[in-house]
N, C-alpha and C. Protein backbone atom coordinates (compact mmCIF):
# COMPACT_ATOMS: atom_id res chain seq x y z
N MET A 1 71.56 114.39 40.41
CA MET A 1 72.85 113.56 40.66
C MET A 1 72.56 112.36 41.34
N THR A 2 73.15 111.07 41.12
CA THR A 2 72.85 110.11 42.08
C THR A 2 73.40 110.16 43.30
N HIS A 3 72.59 109.72 44.39
CA HIS A 3 72.68 109.56 45.62
C HIS A 3 74.15 108.68 45.70
N PRO A 4 74.98 108.94 46.61
CA PRO A 4 76.17 108.25 46.62
C PRO A 4 76.06 106.77 47.14
N ASN A 5 75.02 106.72 48.05
CA ASN A 5 74.97 105.35 48.74
C ASN A 5 73.81 104.37 48.12
N ILE A 6 73.13 104.86 46.98
CA ILE A 6 72.15 103.87 46.22
C ILE A 6 72.83 103.29 45.01
N PRO A 7 72.57 101.95 45.32
CA PRO A 7 73.36 101.42 44.14
C PRO A 7 73.02 101.90 42.58
N LYS A 8 73.62 101.72 41.52
CA LYS A 8 73.30 102.42 40.49
C LYS A 8 72.06 101.81 39.64
N ILE A 9 72.09 100.21 40.00
CA ILE A 9 70.84 99.72 39.21
C ILE A 9 69.63 100.01 40.13
N ALA A 10 69.59 100.38 41.39
CA ALA A 10 68.66 100.55 42.40
C ALA A 10 68.04 101.77 42.00
N TYR A 11 69.14 103.02 41.85
CA TYR A 11 68.70 104.23 41.32
C TYR A 11 67.73 104.06 40.16
N LEU A 12 68.39 103.32 39.00
CA LEU A 12 67.54 103.31 37.94
C LEU A 12 66.32 102.81 38.05
N GLU A 13 65.78 101.84 38.79
CA GLU A 13 64.69 101.14 39.00
C GLU A 13 63.77 102.50 39.87
N LYS A 14 64.52 102.97 40.61
CA LYS A 14 63.60 104.11 41.50
C LYS A 14 63.12 105.07 40.38
N ASN A 15 63.69 105.40 39.49
CA ASN A 15 63.10 106.49 38.62
C ASN A 15 62.34 105.81 37.37
N LEU A 16 62.08 104.70 37.26
CA LEU A 16 61.12 104.02 36.53
C LEU A 16 59.74 104.28 36.74
N LEU A 17 58.85 104.51 35.84
CA LEU A 17 57.35 104.93 36.05
C LEU A 17 56.80 103.67 36.71
N ALA A 18 57.04 102.17 36.58
CA ALA A 18 56.61 101.09 36.99
C ALA A 18 57.64 100.05 37.06
N THR A 19 57.79 99.58 38.09
CA THR A 19 58.66 98.55 38.33
C THR A 19 58.46 97.30 39.46
N GLY A 20 58.78 96.33 39.17
CA GLY A 20 58.52 95.08 40.08
C GLY A 20 59.68 94.94 41.34
N GLN A 21 60.55 95.79 41.27
CA GLN A 21 61.57 95.85 42.48
C GLN A 21 61.04 97.00 43.53
N LYS A 22 61.57 97.04 44.62
CA LYS A 22 61.16 98.09 45.83
C LYS A 22 62.36 98.00 46.62
N PHE A 23 62.43 99.15 47.39
CA PHE A 23 63.06 99.48 48.70
C PHE A 23 62.69 98.63 49.85
N VAL A 24 63.54 98.42 50.73
CA VAL A 24 63.03 97.15 51.71
C VAL A 24 63.89 97.85 52.97
N TRP A 25 62.75 98.07 54.08
CA TRP A 25 63.03 98.50 55.31
C TRP A 25 63.63 97.33 56.37
N LEU A 26 64.47 97.05 56.99
CA LEU A 26 64.89 96.14 57.83
C LEU A 26 65.22 96.83 59.23
N TYR A 27 64.80 95.71 60.24
CA TYR A 27 64.82 96.24 61.61
C TYR A 27 65.67 95.37 62.46
N GLU A 28 66.71 95.72 63.43
CA GLU A 28 67.19 94.75 64.32
C GLU A 28 67.13 95.41 65.49
N ILE A 29 66.63 94.69 66.80
CA ILE A 29 66.63 94.94 67.88
C ILE A 29 67.17 93.89 69.06
N GLU A 30 68.23 94.65 69.65
CA GLU A 30 69.01 93.79 70.77
C GLU A 30 68.23 93.50 71.95
N VAL A 31 67.94 92.35 72.51
CA VAL A 31 67.51 91.87 73.61
C VAL A 31 68.69 91.39 74.71
N PRO A 32 68.87 91.78 76.12
CA PRO A 32 69.70 91.34 76.91
C PRO A 32 69.83 90.27 77.48
N THR A 33 69.66 88.90 76.72
CA THR A 33 69.53 87.83 77.24
C THR A 33 71.07 87.39 77.33
N ASP A 34 71.60 86.31 77.77
CA ASP A 34 72.81 85.93 78.15
C ASP A 34 72.87 84.64 77.26
N PRO A 35 73.70 84.65 75.96
CA PRO A 35 74.43 85.78 75.39
C PRO A 35 73.12 86.85 74.71
N PRO A 36 73.44 88.11 74.41
CA PRO A 36 72.36 88.74 73.90
C PRO A 36 71.65 88.03 72.50
N THR A 37 70.52 88.46 72.60
CA THR A 37 69.89 87.96 71.09
C THR A 37 69.48 88.97 70.24
N ARG A 38 69.79 89.06 69.19
CA ARG A 38 69.20 90.21 68.15
C ARG A 38 68.30 89.49 67.15
N TYR A 39 66.84 90.40 67.43
CA TYR A 39 65.72 89.93 66.71
C TYR A 39 65.98 90.72 65.28
N ARG A 40 65.76 90.24 64.00
CA ARG A 40 65.53 90.87 62.74
C ARG A 40 64.34 90.57 62.14
N PHE A 41 63.67 91.85 61.76
CA PHE A 41 62.32 91.73 61.08
C PHE A 41 62.45 92.52 59.85
N VAL A 42 61.55 91.98 58.80
CA VAL A 42 61.54 92.96 57.37
C VAL A 42 60.05 93.29 57.55
N ARG A 43 59.66 94.52 57.05
CA ARG A 43 58.38 95.09 56.85
C ARG A 43 58.01 94.61 55.59
N ASP A 44 57.81 93.56 55.31
CA ASP A 44 57.53 92.73 54.14
C ASP A 44 56.75 91.38 54.30
N PRO A 45 55.84 90.82 53.31
CA PRO A 45 55.17 89.65 53.77
C PRO A 45 56.08 88.29 53.61
N LEU A 46 57.42 88.22 53.05
CA LEU A 46 58.30 87.11 52.78
C LEU A 46 59.55 87.57 53.57
N PRO A 47 60.18 86.39 54.28
CA PRO A 47 61.64 86.62 54.58
C PRO A 47 62.41 87.25 53.84
N VAL A 48 63.52 87.92 54.12
CA VAL A 48 64.76 88.24 53.30
C VAL A 48 66.00 87.81 54.04
N THR A 49 67.07 87.62 53.25
CA THR A 49 68.45 87.43 53.63
C THR A 49 69.39 88.80 53.22
N PHE A 50 70.13 89.48 54.53
CA PHE A 50 70.69 90.32 54.19
C PHE A 50 71.84 90.23 55.00
N ARG A 51 73.24 90.22 54.29
CA ARG A 51 74.62 90.15 54.83
C ARG A 51 74.52 88.77 55.67
N GLY A 52 74.18 87.73 55.40
CA GLY A 52 73.84 86.32 55.60
C GLY A 52 73.24 86.21 56.95
N ASN A 53 71.96 87.12 57.17
CA ASN A 53 71.27 87.06 58.39
C ASN A 53 69.85 87.04 57.85
N GLU A 54 69.01 86.33 58.44
CA GLU A 54 67.62 86.05 57.71
C GLU A 54 66.66 86.98 58.71
N TYR A 55 65.64 87.93 58.06
CA TYR A 55 64.96 88.89 58.51
C TYR A 55 63.53 88.46 58.32
N SER A 56 63.00 88.23 59.50
CA SER A 56 61.43 87.63 59.37
C SER A 56 60.50 88.40 59.34
N PRO A 57 59.43 88.22 58.46
CA PRO A 57 58.46 89.25 58.29
C PRO A 57 57.62 89.49 59.68
N PHE A 58 57.45 90.79 59.97
CA PHE A 58 56.58 91.22 61.21
C PHE A 58 56.10 92.42 61.10
N PRO A 59 54.65 92.63 61.42
CA PRO A 59 54.17 94.30 61.36
C PRO A 59 54.83 95.10 62.23
N ILE A 60 55.91 95.85 61.44
CA ILE A 60 56.68 96.97 62.20
C ILE A 60 56.79 97.95 61.20
N ALA A 61 56.90 99.20 61.91
CA ALA A 61 57.21 100.15 61.22
C ALA A 61 57.73 101.63 62.07
N HIS A 62 58.26 102.77 61.39
CA HIS A 62 58.75 103.74 62.22
C HIS A 62 58.37 104.97 61.71
N SER A 63 58.28 106.22 62.57
CA SER A 63 58.03 107.48 62.15
C SER A 63 59.21 108.15 61.68
N GLU A 64 58.79 109.15 61.05
CA GLU A 64 59.83 110.12 60.44
C GLU A 64 60.64 110.70 61.88
N THR A 65 61.94 111.13 61.63
CA THR A 65 62.60 111.78 62.87
C THR A 65 62.12 112.96 63.17
N ARG A 66 61.83 113.44 64.66
CA ARG A 66 61.08 114.58 65.01
C ARG A 66 62.17 115.25 66.19
N SER A 67 62.42 116.60 65.96
CA SER A 67 62.91 117.55 67.32
C SER A 67 61.97 118.67 67.41
N ASP A 68 62.19 119.17 68.48
CA ASP A 68 61.39 120.12 69.16
C ASP A 68 62.14 121.50 69.36
N SER A 69 61.51 122.45 69.61
CA SER A 69 61.99 123.89 69.91
C SER A 69 62.79 124.15 71.21
N LYS A 70 62.55 122.92 72.02
CA LYS A 70 63.27 122.95 73.33
C LYS A 70 64.59 122.65 73.48
N GLY A 71 65.32 122.25 72.37
CA GLY A 71 66.50 121.54 72.20
C GLY A 71 66.68 120.31 72.37
N ASN A 72 65.48 119.07 72.63
CA ASN A 72 65.91 118.06 72.94
C ASN A 72 66.41 117.18 71.71
N LEU A 73 67.08 116.16 72.01
CA LEU A 73 67.78 115.15 70.85
C LEU A 73 66.66 114.77 69.92
N PRO A 74 66.53 114.49 68.70
CA PRO A 74 65.89 114.18 67.79
C PRO A 74 65.35 112.67 68.11
N THR A 75 64.08 112.54 67.92
CA THR A 75 63.58 110.77 68.43
C THR A 75 62.84 110.39 67.22
N ILE A 76 62.69 109.18 66.90
CA ILE A 76 61.59 108.53 66.16
C ILE A 76 60.71 107.67 67.01
N THR A 77 59.80 107.11 66.61
CA THR A 77 58.68 106.08 67.11
C THR A 77 58.82 104.72 66.51
N LEU A 78 58.92 103.66 66.95
CA LEU A 78 59.12 102.46 66.31
C LEU A 78 57.84 101.88 67.02
N THR A 79 56.88 101.21 65.94
CA THR A 79 55.71 100.43 66.13
C THR A 79 55.64 99.12 65.79
N VAL A 80 55.38 98.44 66.79
CA VAL A 80 55.36 96.94 66.60
C VAL A 80 54.16 96.31 66.85
N SER A 81 53.53 95.15 66.11
CA SER A 81 52.02 94.98 66.32
C SER A 81 52.25 94.12 67.56
N ASN A 82 51.15 94.11 68.59
CA ASN A 82 50.91 93.41 69.86
C ASN A 82 49.83 92.66 69.90
N VAL A 83 49.22 92.47 68.71
CA VAL A 83 48.10 91.37 68.58
C VAL A 83 48.20 90.36 69.04
N THR A 84 49.24 89.57 68.74
CA THR A 84 49.69 88.36 69.26
C THR A 84 50.16 88.19 70.64
N ARG A 85 50.47 89.20 71.20
CA ARG A 85 51.23 89.34 72.52
C ARG A 85 52.67 88.80 72.58
N GLU A 86 53.00 88.40 71.39
CA GLU A 86 54.54 87.96 71.47
C GLU A 86 55.62 88.81 72.29
N ILE A 87 55.50 90.19 71.79
CA ILE A 87 56.58 90.98 72.38
C ILE A 87 56.64 91.34 73.78
N VAL A 88 55.18 91.30 74.48
CA VAL A 88 55.01 91.69 75.91
C VAL A 88 55.82 90.70 76.98
N SER A 89 56.00 89.54 76.79
CA SER A 89 56.64 88.65 77.60
C SER A 89 58.17 89.24 77.42
N VAL A 90 58.79 89.87 76.44
CA VAL A 90 60.29 90.19 76.16
C VAL A 90 60.38 91.43 77.04
N LEU A 91 59.62 92.31 76.80
CA LEU A 91 59.47 93.43 77.56
C LEU A 91 59.55 93.48 78.86
N ASN A 92 58.49 92.69 79.29
CA ASN A 92 58.54 92.49 81.03
C ASN A 92 59.74 92.00 81.76
N ALA A 93 60.46 91.05 80.86
CA ALA A 93 61.58 90.34 81.48
C ALA A 93 62.73 91.22 81.34
N HIS A 94 62.69 92.37 80.41
CA HIS A 94 63.88 93.17 80.18
C HIS A 94 63.71 94.59 80.13
N ASN A 95 62.93 95.03 81.22
CA ASN A 95 62.90 96.37 81.72
C ASN A 95 62.22 97.34 80.61
N GLY A 96 61.50 96.74 79.61
CA GLY A 96 61.12 97.45 78.42
C GLY A 96 62.11 97.55 77.18
N LEU A 97 63.16 97.09 77.53
CA LEU A 97 64.25 97.21 76.85
C LEU A 97 64.71 98.51 76.52
N VAL A 98 64.56 99.44 77.55
CA VAL A 98 65.01 100.63 77.68
C VAL A 98 66.71 100.59 77.38
N ALA A 99 67.11 101.24 76.94
CA ALA A 99 68.51 101.48 76.56
C ALA A 99 69.13 100.44 75.68
N GLN A 100 68.39 99.62 74.99
CA GLN A 100 68.65 98.58 74.25
C GLN A 100 68.97 99.09 72.88
N ASP A 101 69.80 98.47 72.02
CA ASP A 101 70.05 99.00 70.60
C ASP A 101 69.14 98.71 69.63
N VAL A 102 68.88 99.33 68.64
CA VAL A 102 68.08 99.28 67.41
C VAL A 102 68.76 99.66 66.42
N ARG A 103 68.79 98.92 65.47
CA ARG A 103 69.11 99.23 64.05
C ARG A 103 68.23 99.63 62.99
N ILE A 104 68.28 100.42 62.15
CA ILE A 104 67.21 100.44 61.13
C ILE A 104 67.99 100.74 59.91
N ILE A 105 67.61 99.58 58.91
CA ILE A 105 68.25 99.95 57.64
C ILE A 105 67.29 99.73 56.46
N LEU A 106 67.77 100.73 55.42
CA LEU A 106 66.95 100.71 54.18
C LEU A 106 67.91 100.27 53.16
N THR A 107 67.25 99.24 52.27
CA THR A 107 67.93 98.84 51.34
C THR A 107 67.12 98.65 50.31
N HIS A 108 67.62 97.68 49.39
CA HIS A 108 66.58 97.43 47.81
C HIS A 108 66.44 96.09 47.54
N ASP A 109 65.65 95.54 47.01
CA ASP A 109 65.72 94.24 46.53
C ASP A 109 66.92 93.88 45.46
N LEU A 110 67.28 94.76 44.80
CA LEU A 110 68.54 94.49 44.05
C LEU A 110 69.71 94.64 44.72
N ALA A 111 69.68 95.45 45.93
CA ALA A 111 71.00 95.28 46.56
C ALA A 111 70.92 94.24 47.82
N LEU A 112 69.76 93.51 48.04
CA LEU A 112 69.98 92.42 48.92
C LEU A 112 71.05 91.22 48.92
N PRO A 113 71.29 90.81 47.65
CA PRO A 113 72.47 89.70 47.89
C PRO A 113 73.93 90.50 47.90
N THR A 114 73.98 91.97 47.65
CA THR A 114 75.42 92.52 47.93
C THR A 114 75.48 92.64 49.10
N GLY A 115 74.71 93.00 50.25
CA GLY A 115 74.64 93.64 51.39
C GLY A 115 75.00 94.94 51.42
N HIS A 116 74.44 95.32 50.41
CA HIS A 116 74.61 97.05 50.25
C HIS A 116 73.32 97.59 51.15
N GLY A 117 73.64 98.43 51.76
CA GLY A 117 72.58 99.60 52.48
C GLY A 117 72.58 100.77 51.85
N VAL A 118 71.44 101.32 51.53
CA VAL A 118 71.22 102.66 51.28
C VAL A 118 71.32 103.46 52.32
N TRP A 119 70.67 103.19 53.52
CA TRP A 119 70.81 103.99 54.74
C TRP A 119 70.79 102.89 55.99
N GLU A 120 71.55 103.37 57.03
CA GLU A 120 71.27 102.48 58.15
C GLU A 120 71.65 103.48 59.29
N HIS A 121 71.05 103.45 60.62
CA HIS A 121 71.53 104.19 61.72
C HIS A 121 71.02 103.16 62.79
N ASP A 122 72.02 103.53 63.96
CA ASP A 122 71.63 102.78 64.99
C ASP A 122 71.11 103.65 66.25
N TYR A 123 70.03 103.35 66.87
CA TYR A 123 69.61 103.91 67.88
C TYR A 123 69.55 103.30 69.30
N GLN A 124 69.26 103.65 70.51
CA GLN A 124 68.94 103.50 71.64
C GLN A 124 67.33 103.63 71.58
N ILE A 125 66.76 102.61 72.66
CA ILE A 125 65.50 102.74 72.96
C ILE A 125 65.20 103.42 74.28
N ARG A 126 64.80 104.65 74.20
CA ARG A 126 64.72 105.65 75.58
C ARG A 126 63.41 105.13 76.49
N SER A 127 62.09 104.65 75.72
CA SER A 127 60.97 104.41 76.40
C SER A 127 60.07 103.51 75.53
N THR A 128 59.33 102.83 76.40
CA THR A 128 58.33 102.07 75.64
C THR A 128 57.02 102.12 76.22
N SER A 129 55.93 101.84 75.62
CA SER A 129 54.62 101.89 75.81
C SER A 129 53.73 100.85 75.19
N ILE A 130 52.75 100.00 75.91
CA ILE A 130 52.15 98.96 75.33
C ILE A 130 50.48 99.18 75.31
N ASP A 131 49.82 98.91 74.37
CA ASP A 131 48.44 98.88 74.25
C ASP A 131 47.97 97.68 73.75
N GLU A 132 46.53 97.18 73.68
CA GLU A 132 46.42 95.91 72.99
C GLU A 132 46.63 95.95 71.55
N LYS A 133 46.95 96.80 70.88
CA LYS A 133 47.20 96.81 69.74
C LYS A 133 48.58 97.05 69.10
N ALA A 134 49.48 97.64 69.73
CA ALA A 134 50.60 97.71 69.50
C ALA A 134 51.60 97.88 70.64
N VAL A 135 52.99 98.07 70.38
CA VAL A 135 53.92 98.50 71.41
C VAL A 135 54.95 99.60 70.64
N SER A 136 55.09 100.86 71.33
CA SER A 136 55.66 101.82 70.63
C SER A 136 56.71 101.98 71.48
N ALA A 137 57.84 102.15 70.83
CA ALA A 137 59.20 102.65 71.58
C ALA A 137 59.59 103.81 71.01
N THR A 138 60.20 104.86 71.96
CA THR A 138 60.61 105.92 71.13
C THR A 138 62.32 105.54 71.26
N LEU A 139 62.79 106.10 70.02
CA LEU A 139 64.36 105.73 69.49
C LEU A 139 65.04 107.09 69.70
N GLY A 140 66.28 107.15 70.49
CA GLY A 140 67.12 108.12 70.17
C GLY A 140 68.51 107.77 70.05
N ASP A 141 69.48 108.73 69.67
CA ASP A 141 70.75 108.63 69.18
C ASP A 141 71.59 108.45 70.51
N LEU A 142 70.77 108.79 71.86
CA LEU A 142 71.84 108.78 72.96
C LEU A 142 70.71 108.58 74.08
N HIS A 143 71.05 107.68 74.89
CA HIS A 143 70.19 107.31 76.20
C HIS A 143 71.12 108.22 77.16
N ILE A 144 70.47 109.54 77.92
CA ILE A 144 71.37 110.29 78.68
C ILE A 144 71.74 109.77 79.76
N TYR A 145 71.10 108.78 80.44
CA TYR A 145 71.78 108.06 81.59
C TYR A 145 72.90 107.16 81.39
N ASN A 146 73.02 106.82 80.31
CA ASN A 146 74.03 105.98 80.09
C ASN A 146 75.20 106.75 79.48
N ALA A 147 75.12 108.03 79.17
CA ALA A 147 76.26 108.97 78.62
C ALA A 147 77.22 109.09 79.78
N LYS A 148 78.66 109.00 79.28
CA LYS A 148 79.65 109.39 80.31
C LYS A 148 80.05 110.78 79.54
N LEU A 149 79.76 111.80 80.77
CA LEU A 149 80.18 113.07 80.51
C LEU A 149 80.86 113.51 81.51
N PRO A 150 81.95 114.13 81.32
CA PRO A 150 82.76 114.02 80.18
C PRO A 150 83.20 112.76 79.50
N ALA A 151 83.36 112.58 78.20
CA ALA A 151 83.93 111.23 77.71
C ALA A 151 85.47 111.23 78.14
N GLN A 152 86.15 112.07 78.18
CA GLN A 152 87.72 112.06 78.59
C GLN A 152 88.04 113.12 79.74
N ARG A 153 88.65 113.01 80.92
CA ARG A 153 88.90 113.34 81.85
C ARG A 153 90.33 113.99 82.00
N MET A 154 90.94 115.18 81.84
CA MET A 154 92.26 115.49 82.14
C MET A 154 92.67 115.77 83.09
N MET A 155 93.50 114.85 83.78
CA MET A 155 94.10 114.86 85.20
C MET A 155 95.47 114.83 85.40
N ARG A 156 96.10 115.38 86.29
CA ARG A 156 97.38 115.81 86.29
C ARG A 156 98.50 114.56 86.48
N PHE A 157 98.15 113.73 87.45
CA PHE A 157 98.83 112.49 87.74
C PHE A 157 98.00 111.33 87.81
N TYR A 158 97.18 110.95 86.77
CA TYR A 158 96.36 109.98 86.60
C TYR A 158 96.10 109.59 85.30
N CYS A 159 96.57 108.40 84.93
CA CYS A 159 96.44 108.05 83.48
C CYS A 159 95.09 107.69 83.08
N ARG A 160 94.68 107.92 81.97
CA ARG A 160 93.32 107.89 81.34
C ARG A 160 93.32 106.75 80.40
N HIS A 161 94.37 105.76 80.44
CA HIS A 161 94.24 104.95 79.34
C HIS A 161 93.88 103.44 80.30
N GLN A 162 93.19 102.46 79.18
CA GLN A 162 93.20 101.28 79.58
C GLN A 162 94.49 100.57 79.70
N TYR A 163 94.84 99.79 80.72
CA TYR A 163 96.02 99.07 81.02
C TYR A 163 96.34 98.23 79.76
N LYS A 164 97.19 98.23 79.21
CA LYS A 164 97.83 97.32 78.14
C LYS A 164 96.89 97.50 76.89
N ASP A 165 96.22 98.38 76.96
CA ASP A 165 95.41 98.58 75.28
C ASP A 165 96.31 99.34 74.53
N ALA A 166 95.60 99.60 73.18
CA ALA A 166 96.81 100.27 72.26
C ALA A 166 97.26 101.73 72.62
N ASN A 167 96.68 102.33 73.41
CA ASN A 167 97.12 103.80 73.99
C ASN A 167 98.16 103.39 74.94
N CYS A 168 98.00 102.53 75.68
CA CYS A 168 99.00 102.44 76.76
C CYS A 168 100.21 101.60 76.06
N GLY A 169 100.12 100.37 75.36
CA GLY A 169 101.49 99.98 74.75
C GLY A 169 101.64 99.15 75.52
N TYR A 170 101.88 98.83 76.79
CA TYR A 170 102.49 97.88 77.77
C TYR A 170 102.69 96.50 77.19
N ALA A 171 103.58 95.74 76.69
CA ALA A 171 103.76 94.57 75.91
C ALA A 171 104.65 93.52 76.47
N VAL A 172 105.11 93.69 77.71
CA VAL A 172 105.93 92.74 78.29
C VAL A 172 105.10 91.20 78.85
N GLY A 173 105.62 90.25 77.89
CA GLY A 173 104.79 88.82 77.99
C GLY A 173 104.59 88.26 79.53
N THR A 174 103.58 87.75 79.79
CA THR A 174 103.11 87.36 81.08
C THR A 174 104.19 86.22 81.60
N ALA A 175 104.95 85.79 80.98
CA ALA A 175 105.75 84.59 81.31
C ALA A 175 107.10 85.21 81.49
N HIS A 176 107.23 86.61 81.22
CA HIS A 176 108.57 87.24 81.63
C HIS A 176 108.72 87.48 82.95
N ALA A 177 109.85 87.35 83.54
CA ALA A 177 110.12 87.36 85.09
C ALA A 177 109.83 89.00 85.52
N ASN A 178 109.77 89.98 84.34
CA ASN A 178 109.73 91.40 84.80
C ASN A 178 108.39 91.71 83.98
N TYR A 179 107.28 90.98 83.95
CA TYR A 179 105.99 91.29 83.71
C TYR A 179 105.30 91.67 84.94
N LEU A 180 104.37 92.98 84.79
CA LEU A 180 103.88 93.30 85.66
C LEU A 180 102.27 93.43 85.48
N PRO A 181 101.51 92.74 86.28
CA PRO A 181 100.09 92.58 85.87
C PRO A 181 99.05 93.35 86.03
N THR A 182 99.53 94.45 86.91
CA THR A 182 98.75 95.56 87.14
C THR A 182 99.23 96.99 86.93
N CYS A 183 98.56 97.78 87.06
CA CYS A 183 99.11 99.36 87.09
C CYS A 183 98.24 100.47 87.97
N ASP A 184 98.75 101.01 88.76
CA ASP A 184 98.14 102.11 89.62
C ASP A 184 97.75 103.09 88.65
N LYS A 185 98.10 103.46 87.66
CA LYS A 185 97.62 104.48 86.82
C LYS A 185 98.59 105.82 87.11
N SER A 186 99.30 105.82 88.20
CA SER A 186 100.11 106.94 88.62
C SER A 186 101.24 106.89 87.62
N LEU A 187 102.08 108.23 87.71
CA LEU A 187 103.47 108.37 87.24
C LEU A 187 104.41 107.90 87.96
N ASP A 188 104.48 108.00 89.07
CA ASP A 188 105.86 107.89 89.71
C ASP A 188 105.22 107.10 90.87
N GLY A 189 104.14 106.15 91.11
CA GLY A 189 103.84 105.49 92.23
C GLY A 189 104.68 104.15 91.97
N ALA A 190 104.37 103.55 93.18
CA ALA A 190 105.17 102.05 93.50
C ALA A 190 104.73 101.02 91.99
N ASP A 191 103.58 101.19 91.70
CA ASP A 191 103.13 100.17 90.30
C ASP A 191 102.80 101.17 89.25
N GLY A 192 103.23 102.35 89.00
CA GLY A 192 103.03 103.42 88.01
C GLY A 192 103.92 103.28 86.70
N CYS A 193 103.63 104.35 85.94
CA CYS A 193 104.18 104.24 84.72
C CYS A 193 105.61 104.23 84.59
N ARG A 194 106.56 104.87 85.65
CA ARG A 194 107.89 104.74 85.24
C ARG A 194 108.18 103.40 85.57
N VAL A 195 107.57 103.04 86.59
CA VAL A 195 108.04 101.29 86.87
C VAL A 195 107.70 100.65 85.70
N HIS A 196 106.67 100.68 85.00
CA HIS A 196 106.68 99.85 83.88
C HIS A 196 107.53 100.02 82.82
N GLY A 197 108.23 101.37 82.64
CA GLY A 197 109.01 101.57 81.71
C GLY A 197 110.37 101.10 82.09
N ILE A 198 110.76 100.69 83.35
CA ILE A 198 111.91 99.93 83.50
C ILE A 198 111.54 98.56 83.61
N SER A 199 110.27 97.88 83.50
CA SER A 199 110.21 96.52 83.38
C SER A 199 110.38 96.12 81.87
N GLU A 200 109.95 96.99 80.85
CA GLU A 200 110.17 97.27 79.51
C GLU A 200 111.59 96.97 79.21
N VAL A 201 112.29 98.03 79.84
CA VAL A 201 113.84 97.87 79.48
C VAL A 201 114.37 96.39 80.01
N LEU A 202 114.03 95.77 81.09
CA LEU A 202 114.63 94.67 81.70
C LEU A 202 113.98 93.48 80.70
N ALA A 203 113.10 93.59 79.92
CA ALA A 203 112.59 92.67 79.15
C ALA A 203 112.96 92.84 77.72
N GLY A 204 114.16 93.82 77.59
CA GLY A 204 114.57 93.90 76.08
C GLY A 204 113.72 94.26 75.19
N LEU A 205 112.66 95.24 75.80
CA LEU A 205 111.41 95.87 74.79
C LEU A 205 112.07 97.34 74.79
N PRO A 206 111.39 98.08 73.91
CA PRO A 206 111.51 99.67 73.60
C PRO A 206 110.71 100.37 75.19
N ASP A 207 111.31 101.26 75.56
CA ASP A 207 110.98 101.78 76.77
C ASP A 207 109.73 102.79 76.42
N LEU A 208 108.47 102.63 76.19
CA LEU A 208 107.61 103.18 75.96
C LEU A 208 106.94 104.15 77.04
N HIS A 209 107.21 103.80 78.12
CA HIS A 209 106.89 104.51 79.52
C HIS A 209 107.99 105.19 80.07
N PRO A 210 107.78 106.36 80.69
CA PRO A 210 106.42 106.89 80.82
C PRO A 210 105.94 107.96 79.80
N GLU A 211 106.83 107.72 78.45
CA GLU A 211 105.98 108.81 77.32
C GLU A 211 104.49 108.44 77.05
N ARG A 212 104.23 107.35 77.30
CA ARG A 212 102.84 107.07 76.93
C ARG A 212 101.97 107.27 78.07
N PHE A 213 102.43 107.96 79.06
CA PHE A 213 101.38 107.99 80.39
C PHE A 213 100.34 109.20 79.82
N GLY A 214 99.30 108.60 80.42
CA GLY A 214 98.00 109.45 79.76
C GLY A 214 97.37 110.47 80.66
N GLY A 215 98.17 110.87 81.52
CA GLY A 215 98.00 112.13 82.50
C GLY A 215 98.53 113.35 81.62
N PHE A 216 98.31 114.42 82.59
CA PHE A 216 98.68 115.84 81.96
C PHE A 216 99.65 116.49 82.97
N PRO A 217 100.71 116.06 83.41
CA PRO A 217 101.48 116.62 84.59
C PRO A 217 101.68 118.11 84.31
N GLY A 218 101.74 118.56 83.22
CA GLY A 218 101.62 120.16 82.77
C GLY A 218 100.34 121.04 83.33
N ILE A 219 99.25 120.27 83.84
CA ILE A 219 98.10 120.95 84.21
C ILE A 219 98.50 121.64 85.47
N PRO A 220 98.31 123.17 85.54
CA PRO A 220 98.68 123.84 86.80
C PRO A 220 97.95 123.10 87.71
N GLU A 221 98.66 123.59 89.14
CA GLU A 221 98.10 123.16 90.41
C GLU A 221 97.63 124.48 91.39
N GLN A 222 96.56 124.24 91.92
CA GLN A 222 96.55 125.53 92.76
C GLN A 222 97.21 125.44 94.18
N THR A 223 97.65 126.51 94.57
CA THR A 223 98.61 126.58 95.78
C THR A 223 97.58 126.90 97.13
N THR A 224 98.11 126.75 98.29
CA THR A 224 97.54 127.08 99.37
C THR A 224 97.15 128.54 99.44
N GLN A 225 97.97 129.29 98.82
CA GLN A 225 98.21 130.95 98.73
C GLN A 225 97.40 131.26 97.60
N GLY A 226 96.46 130.48 96.91
CA GLY A 226 95.51 130.73 96.11
C GLY A 226 96.18 130.92 94.82
N GLY A 227 97.39 130.81 94.20
CA GLY A 227 98.07 130.75 93.22
C GLY A 227 97.91 129.61 92.13
N LEU A 228 98.74 129.75 91.26
CA LEU A 228 98.99 128.59 90.38
C LEU A 228 100.43 128.12 90.33
N ARG A 229 100.70 126.66 90.14
CA ARG A 229 102.32 126.64 90.16
C ARG A 229 102.33 125.51 89.03
């Protein structure tokens, strides 16, 4: 059965006993300059263009995904040549690139013009180490110190939405006399959700608030007697 992500022509090439075409590994590494710089490498002797971006030849490779019996998140090791010392200055200037994004893409010679990736995955750098021959970076799906846990908090009278985003929906124009530039994220506060609903009505817009309030007023509240109300 044909793998769903492999272009048919590349799949046929894969099954030939001999072929002049090959699968191609591409690597993207984000560096937190201002603005951010994305380095693009290919594990081949010649540059390639993919999705409008040029990938430069560089000695780079990665290991297979590894996990352990302790329940740690799976990781892989990315190895980059350090013979010319080109990478060291970047690592020294940016905290070893810890927590920076890395994308690994597998494509095929025949799929390069179409921008079709057979497989691609985004990682973050967890740690780096250097010796005279190579830079090794441990990559994982999640950098634990950057994780927001929990991703959502359920609070009784505090809105979890970002003010004026798609979930909030407040859309009174800034030039209108009833425009409110801020929100205190409360339900009944002086600059809260109900007040923004009045602002919408006065501006001639549908009153989305407080129906769009992102808190959960129905959450029980513990009383001083130990019960819930």
